[in-house]
Protein backbone atom coordinates (compact mmCIF):
# COMPACT_ATOMS: atom_id res chain seq x y z
CA UNK A 1 -65.64 -79.24 -22.40
CA UNK A 2 -67.06 -82.50 -22.30
CA UNK A 3 -66.82 -85.96 -19.77
CA UNK A 4 -66.62 -89.66 -20.26
CA UNK A 5 -67.92 -92.12 -18.12
CA UNK A 6 -67.88 -95.68 -17.99
CA UNK A 7 -71.22 -97.21 -16.04
CA UNK A 8 -71.98 -100.95 -15.77
CA UNK A 9 -73.83 -100.70 -18.95
CA UNK A 10 -73.25 -97.77 -20.85
CA UNK A 11 -70.82 -95.26 -21.68
CA UNK A 12 -71.76 -91.48 -20.99
CA UNK A 13 -70.46 -88.62 -22.57
CA UNK A 14 -71.65 -85.24 -21.61
CA UNK A 15 -71.05 -81.97 -23.49
CA UNK A 16 -71.16 -78.81 -21.70
CA UNK A 17 -71.81 -75.56 -23.70
CA UNK A 18 -69.07 -73.13 -22.84
CA UNK A 19 -68.77 -69.48 -23.67
CA UNK A 20 -70.71 -66.23 -23.16
CA UNK A 21 -73.53 -66.15 -25.18
CA UNK A 22 -76.45 -68.51 -26.40
CA UNK A 23 -75.38 -71.00 -23.79
CA UNK A 24 -77.40 -74.42 -24.09
CA UNK A 25 -77.99 -77.15 -21.72
CA UNK A 26 -75.63 -79.94 -21.31
CA UNK A 27 -76.16 -82.63 -23.84
CA UNK A 28 -75.84 -86.20 -22.15
CA UNK A 29 -75.08 -89.06 -24.54
CA UNK A 30 -75.65 -92.74 -23.12
CA UNK A 31 -74.07 -95.49 -25.56
CA UNK A 32 -75.68 -98.85 -24.66
CA UNK A 33 -74.99 -101.98 -26.56
CA UNK A 34 -77.73 -101.54 -28.72
CA UNK A 35 -79.09 -98.10 -28.59
CA UNK A 36 -77.82 -94.74 -28.29
CA UNK A 37 -79.70 -91.86 -26.53
CA UNK A 38 -79.17 -88.34 -26.52
CA UNK A 39 -80.75 -86.27 -23.45
CA UNK A 40 -81.09 -82.46 -23.24
CA UNK A 41 -83.10 -80.57 -20.65
CA UNK A 42 -85.65 -78.15 -22.10
CA UNK A 43 -85.48 -75.28 -19.60
CA UNK A 44 -89.04 -73.94 -21.13
CA UNK A 45 -90.67 -76.98 -19.98
CA UNK A 46 -88.13 -78.49 -17.06
CA UNK A 47 -88.36 -81.74 -18.68
CA UNK A 48 -85.60 -83.85 -20.41
CA UNK A 49 -85.91 -84.26 -24.00
CA UNK A 50 -84.75 -87.59 -25.40
CA UNK A 51 -83.82 -89.04 -28.56
CA UNK A 52 -82.78 -92.95 -29.43
CA UNK A 53 -80.84 -93.57 -32.47
CA UNK A 54 -80.02 -97.33 -33.58
CA UNK A 55 -76.12 -98.25 -33.91
CA UNK A 56 -76.97 -98.06 -37.56
CA UNK A 57 -78.29 -94.61 -37.66
CA UNK A 58 -75.36 -93.51 -35.72
CA UNK A 59 -73.02 -94.86 -38.15
CA UNK A 60 -74.82 -92.87 -40.80
CA UNK A 61 -74.84 -89.97 -38.75
CA UNK A 62 -70.86 -90.26 -38.28
CA UNK A 63 -70.28 -90.69 -42.12
CA UNK A 64 -72.75 -87.60 -42.84
CA UNK A 65 -70.22 -85.37 -40.72
CA UNK A 66 -67.60 -85.75 -43.30
CA UNK A 67 -69.71 -85.71 -46.62
CA UNK A 68 -70.80 -82.78 -48.96
CA UNK A 69 -74.63 -82.30 -49.72
CA UNK A 70 -76.41 -85.23 -51.07
CA UNK A 71 -78.25 -88.58 -50.55
CA UNK A 72 -75.97 -91.44 -49.48
CA UNK A 73 -76.39 -95.39 -48.44
CA UNK A 74 -73.84 -96.97 -46.41
CA UNK A 75 -72.53 -100.08 -47.98
CA UNK A 76 -71.94 -103.40 -45.86
CA UNK A 77 -68.14 -102.40 -45.68
CA UNK A 78 -68.74 -99.09 -44.05
CA UNK A 79 -68.12 -97.03 -46.97
CA UNK A 80 -70.75 -94.64 -48.54
CA UNK A 81 -71.98 -95.03 -51.90
């Protein structure tokens, strides 16, 4: 399950791990104009872990999800090579 909320300066997507085994804490993705952050509560330390991505890194991640093993570089037109 997931939710999408539009706030003043960001779009927030929350991913909820559903099921019966090995459940993980919710993941919150904050999409701002120039950066995307991914946050998840670490129950061992009771702190929120946060990773920041540039928009270029997210584009590369999105492309990587559909590619086989290898090393790639995105071209200006968004294609991989």
